[in-house]
Amino acid sequence: MPQNDSAPLSQPSVEPVEPAEPAVEAPRAPLPGEPGFKAPLTEKQLKRANQTIKGMFISVGLTLAVVLPVVFLNPGSSKDTYDRQHVDQAAVAQAAQQNITTEGFKALNPTWPDGWYVNRANWNAGAADGVGYWSLGVIKGDTHYGEVLQTDAANPSWISLVTDGSLPTGATRQIDGVAWEERKLPSEKKPKSLLVTEIDGYTYIVRVDGGDEDFMGELAALVQKAGPAR
């Protein structure tokens, strides 16, 4: 019998078909009675909302109309205007004496040389640390500014607090027979040194802008001459 030399026919390959994913429906807005449903605003509600917004803008506009002229007509004080502000030291000291809470405390009230004046004088009741003190800002020749603090209840913590964390140097400075303790401030941006002493039951702190040692010595000498006795 004759032989069949032809090769067997190959079967076509069939790729498996994955089932199609079900279509995802877009979320719909909640219907009346369902959680999250928000009824549309009525015409009256929309009108009231618009009136509220308009009222807010009108209120802000009126506030600015009142505040801005005050700001423009009262510019901030410059260093020059502050330095040249003279304070009636004697009157302030007399008035402050009525509010001084420490019994027997007498506020320092020196007579200053020509060209010297006070631009600040006030009593600090010491609400934070309980140490009340009298404070004077002293100007010399409109170019030198110093500060004098006076208290009869000083302690190391208070001195450190009111002098921005100053530390004793271990040295003293003799001024007209009175020894003043020298202290240094840790920051270079502040006066580098200050003086502290105790006279007749009062502690005095003297410091000046720029660390002017000569001016600080002059100021300390005036303070110790005018210091009241207890």
Protein backbone atom coordinates (compact mmCIF):
# COMPACT_ATOMS: atom_id res chain seq x y z
CA MET A 1 0.00 0.00 0.00
CA PRO A 2 1.26 3.47 -0.76
CA GLN A 3 2.58 5.47 2.28
CA ASN A 4 1.37 8.97 3.06
CA ASP A 5 4.53 11.15 3.29
CA SER A 6 2.67 14.41 4.07
CA ALA A 7 3.20 15.95 7.63
CA PRO A 8 0.26 16.17 9.96
CA LEU A 9 -1.53 19.52 9.95
CA SER A 10 -0.76 21.76 13.04
CA GLN A 11 -3.66 23.01 15.16
CA PRO A 12 -3.92 26.87 15.64
CA SER A 13 -3.10 28.06 19.21
CA VAL A 14 -5.96 29.59 21.16
CA GLU A 15 -5.15 32.41 23.74
CA PRO A 16 -7.17 32.20 26.93
CA VAL A 17 -9.61 35.08 27.18
CA GLU A 18 -9.94 36.78 30.59
CA PRO A 19 -13.46 37.67 31.64
CA ALA A 20 -14.25 41.39 31.24
CA GLU A 21 -14.45 43.44 34.46
CA PRO A 22 -17.89 44.63 35.33
CA ALA A 23 -18.50 48.31 34.52
CA VAL A 24 -18.23 50.65 37.57
CA GLU A 25 -21.15 52.96 37.93
CA ALA A 26 -20.39 56.64 38.64
CA PRO A 27 -21.37 57.72 42.20
CA ARG A 28 -24.66 59.50 42.36
CA ALA A 29 -25.76 62.31 44.63
CA PRO A 30 -27.78 61.31 47.71
CA LEU A 31 -31.50 61.36 47.19
CA PRO A 32 -33.98 63.03 49.56
CA GLY A 33 -34.20 60.98 52.76
CA GLU A 34 -30.72 59.47 52.28
CA PRO A 35 -27.71 60.41 54.48
CA GLY A 36 -25.76 63.37 53.10
CA PHE A 37 -28.64 64.83 51.16
CA LYS A 38 -28.54 68.64 51.02
CA ALA A 39 -31.56 70.48 49.85
CA PRO A 40 -30.80 73.29 47.37
CA LEU A 41 -31.08 76.83 48.76
CA THR A 42 -34.29 78.59 48.05
CA GLU A 43 -34.36 81.99 46.43
CA LYS A 44 -34.94 83.68 49.82
CA GLN A 45 -32.04 81.78 51.41
CA LEU A 46 -29.70 82.79 48.58
CA LYS A 47 -30.75 86.41 49.00
CA ARG A 48 -30.08 86.32 52.76
CA ALA A 49 -26.63 84.73 52.18
CA ASN A 50 -25.70 87.43 49.68
CA GLN A 51 -26.82 90.13 52.13
CA THR A 52 -24.62 88.59 54.88
CA ILE A 53 -21.54 88.61 52.63
CA LYS A 54 -22.23 92.19 51.55
CA GLY A 55 -22.64 93.22 55.18
CA MET A 56 -19.29 91.64 56.09
CA PHE A 57 -17.47 93.58 53.35
CA ILE A 58 -19.17 96.82 54.39
CA SER A 59 -18.16 96.23 58.05
CA VAL A 60 -14.51 95.59 57.11
CA GLY A 61 -14.48 98.67 54.89
CA LEU A 62 -15.85 100.90 57.67
CA THR A 63 -13.28 99.53 60.14
CA LEU A 64 -10.40 100.28 57.77
CA ALA A 65 -11.80 103.75 57.12
CA VAL A 66 -11.56 104.48 60.85
CA VAL A 67 -8.23 102.77 61.61
CA LEU A 68 -6.05 103.77 58.64
CA PRO A 69 -6.27 107.56 59.15
CA VAL A 70 -5.22 107.08 62.79
CA VAL A 71 -2.21 105.00 61.73
CA PHE A 72 -1.11 107.48 59.06
CA LEU A 73 -1.54 110.49 61.32
CA ASN A 74 0.40 108.88 64.19
CA PRO A 75 3.67 107.48 62.81
CA GLY A 76 5.90 105.36 65.03
CA SER A 77 8.36 107.15 67.28
CA SER A 78 11.89 107.29 65.99
CA LYS A 79 15.00 107.03 68.17
CA ASP A 80 15.52 110.81 67.94
CA THR A 81 12.02 111.70 69.13
CA TYR A 82 12.31 109.17 71.95
CA ASP A 83 15.71 110.46 73.08
CA ARG A 84 14.47 114.05 73.20
CA GLN A 85 11.39 113.26 75.27
CA HIS A 86 11.80 115.04 78.60
CA VAL A 87 10.06 113.68 81.69
CA ASP A 88 9.39 115.71 84.84
CA GLN A 89 11.34 113.36 87.05
CA ALA A 90 10.39 115.04 90.33
CA ALA A 91 6.68 114.99 89.53
CA VAL A 92 6.83 111.37 88.41
CA ALA A 93 8.77 110.39 91.53
CA GLN A 94 6.22 112.12 93.75
CA ALA A 95 3.31 110.46 91.94
CA ALA A 96 5.04 107.08 91.95
CA GLN A 97 5.61 107.34 95.68
CA GLN A 98 1.86 106.99 96.14
CA ASN A 99 1.92 103.64 94.29
CA ILE A 100 5.13 102.19 95.68
CA THR A 101 4.16 99.08 97.57
CA THR A 102 7.37 98.70 99.60
CA GLU A 103 7.01 100.40 102.96
CA GLY A 104 9.59 103.12 103.55
CA PHE A 105 10.89 103.06 99.96
CA LYS A 106 12.15 106.44 98.74
CA ALA A 107 12.57 106.86 95.00
CA LEU A 108 15.91 108.14 93.71
CA ASN A 109 15.44 111.73 92.53
CA PRO A 110 18.82 113.24 91.56
CA THR A 111 19.54 116.74 90.31
CA TRP A 112 21.29 116.31 86.97
CA PRO A 113 24.01 118.52 85.44
CA ASP A 114 23.25 120.81 82.50
CA GLY A 115 22.62 118.79 79.34
CA TRP A 116 21.37 115.78 81.31
CA TYR A 117 17.69 114.87 81.58
CA VAL A 118 15.36 111.96 82.21
CA ASN A 119 13.24 110.52 79.39
CA ARG A 120 11.69 107.67 81.40
CA ALA A 121 10.76 107.24 85.06
CA ASN A 122 8.52 104.51 86.40
CA TRP A 123 7.83 102.15 89.28
CA ASN A 124 7.76 98.42 88.48
CA ALA A 125 5.73 96.51 91.05
CA GLY A 126 7.58 93.27 90.34
CA ALA A 127 4.53 91.17 89.46
CA ALA A 128 6.69 88.36 88.03
CA ASP A 129 9.34 87.98 90.74
CA GLY A 130 7.95 89.99 93.65
CA VAL A 131 10.81 92.54 93.62
CA GLY A 132 9.55 96.07 93.07
CA TYR A 133 11.98 98.65 91.72
CA TRP A 134 12.30 102.26 90.56
CA SER A 135 13.67 102.81 87.06
CA LEU A 136 15.12 105.89 85.37
CA GLY A 137 16.23 106.43 81.78
CA VAL A 138 18.93 109.10 81.69
CA ILE A 139 20.13 111.10 78.65
CA LYS A 140 23.39 113.05 78.45
CA GLY A 141 23.83 115.52 75.61
CA ASP A 142 21.33 113.69 73.37
CA THR A 143 24.09 111.21 72.55
CA HIS A 144 24.49 109.07 75.68
CA TYR A 145 21.74 106.90 77.15
CA GLY A 146 21.90 105.17 80.52
CA GLU A 147 19.57 103.31 82.87
CA VAL A 148 19.39 103.27 86.67
CA LEU A 149 17.47 100.68 88.68
CA GLN A 150 16.83 100.99 92.42
CA THR A 151 15.35 98.44 94.83
CA ASP A 152 15.51 97.50 98.50
CA ALA A 153 14.72 93.81 97.93
CA ALA A 154 17.44 92.68 95.52
CA ASN A 155 18.59 89.07 95.23
CA PRO A 156 20.94 87.32 92.77
CA SER A 157 18.05 85.97 90.67
CA TRP A 158 16.45 89.41 90.31
CA ILE A 159 19.75 91.06 89.35
CA SER A 160 20.35 88.42 86.69
CA LEU A 161 16.78 88.79 85.40
CA VAL A 162 16.75 92.58 85.00
CA THR A 163 20.27 92.65 83.51
CA ASP A 164 19.63 90.08 80.77
CA GLY A 165 21.63 87.33 82.45
CA SER A 166 24.74 89.33 83.36
CA LEU A 167 27.48 87.62 85.37
CA PRO A 168 29.93 89.06 87.93
CA THR A 169 33.48 89.48 86.66
CA GLY A 170 34.95 89.22 90.16
CA ALA A 171 36.30 92.77 89.91
CA THR A 172 35.08 95.95 91.62
CA ARG A 173 35.30 99.59 90.59
CA GLN A 174 35.92 102.30 93.15
CA ILE A 175 33.93 105.52 92.55
CA ASP A 176 34.36 108.26 95.15
CA GLY A 177 35.02 105.70 97.86
CA VAL A 178 32.12 103.35 96.94
CA ALA A 179 32.83 99.86 95.57
CA TRP A 180 30.71 98.90 92.57
CA GLU A 181 30.59 95.28 91.40
CA GLU A 182 31.40 94.88 87.71
CA ARG A 183 29.21 92.54 85.68
CA LYS A 184 29.38 91.45 82.03
CA LEU A 185 26.55 90.76 79.63
CA PRO A 186 26.74 87.56 77.56
CA SER A 187 25.53 89.12 74.29
CA GLU A 188 27.80 91.35 72.20
CA LYS A 189 24.72 93.18 70.87
CA LYS A 190 24.01 94.66 74.32
CA PRO A 191 26.07 96.94 76.58
CA LYS A 192 29.15 94.97 77.53
CA SER A 193 29.33 95.94 81.18
CA LEU A 194 27.32 97.34 84.07
CA LEU A 195 27.81 98.28 87.72
CA VAL A 196 25.96 97.15 90.85
CA THR A 197 26.29 98.40 94.42
CA GLU A 198 24.38 98.69 97.70
CA ILE A 199 24.08 102.01 99.55
CA ASP A 200 22.03 102.63 102.71
CA GLY A 201 19.82 99.57 102.18
CA TYR A 202 19.21 100.16 98.47
CA THR A 203 20.70 98.22 95.57
CA TYR A 204 21.51 100.26 92.45
CA ILE A 205 22.20 98.97 88.95
CA VAL A 206 23.78 101.31 86.38
CA ARG A 207 24.29 100.46 82.73
CA VAL A 208 24.72 102.51 79.56
CA ASP A 209 24.29 101.93 75.85
CA GLY A 210 27.49 101.14 74.01
CA GLY A 211 29.38 100.25 77.18
CA ASP A 212 30.80 103.80 77.56
CA GLU A 213 32.90 103.33 80.71
CA ASP A 214 33.40 107.07 81.36
CA PHE A 215 29.69 107.88 81.09
CA MET A 216 28.83 104.88 83.28
CA GLY A 217 31.25 106.12 85.95
CA GLU A 218 29.73 109.63 85.84
CA LEU A 219 26.23 108.23 86.13
CA ALA A 220 27.18 105.96 89.04
CA ALA A 221 28.81 108.89 90.88
CA LEU A 222 25.64 111.00 90.52
CA VAL A 223 23.47 108.13 91.74
CA GLN A 224 25.49 107.47 94.89
CA LYS A 225 25.53 111.18 95.79
CA ALA A 226 21.74 111.49 95.44
CA GLY A 227 20.82 108.11 96.92
CA PRO A 228 18.28 108.42 99.75
CA ALA A 229 18.91 106.89 103.16
CA ARG A 230 16.43 104.49 104.75
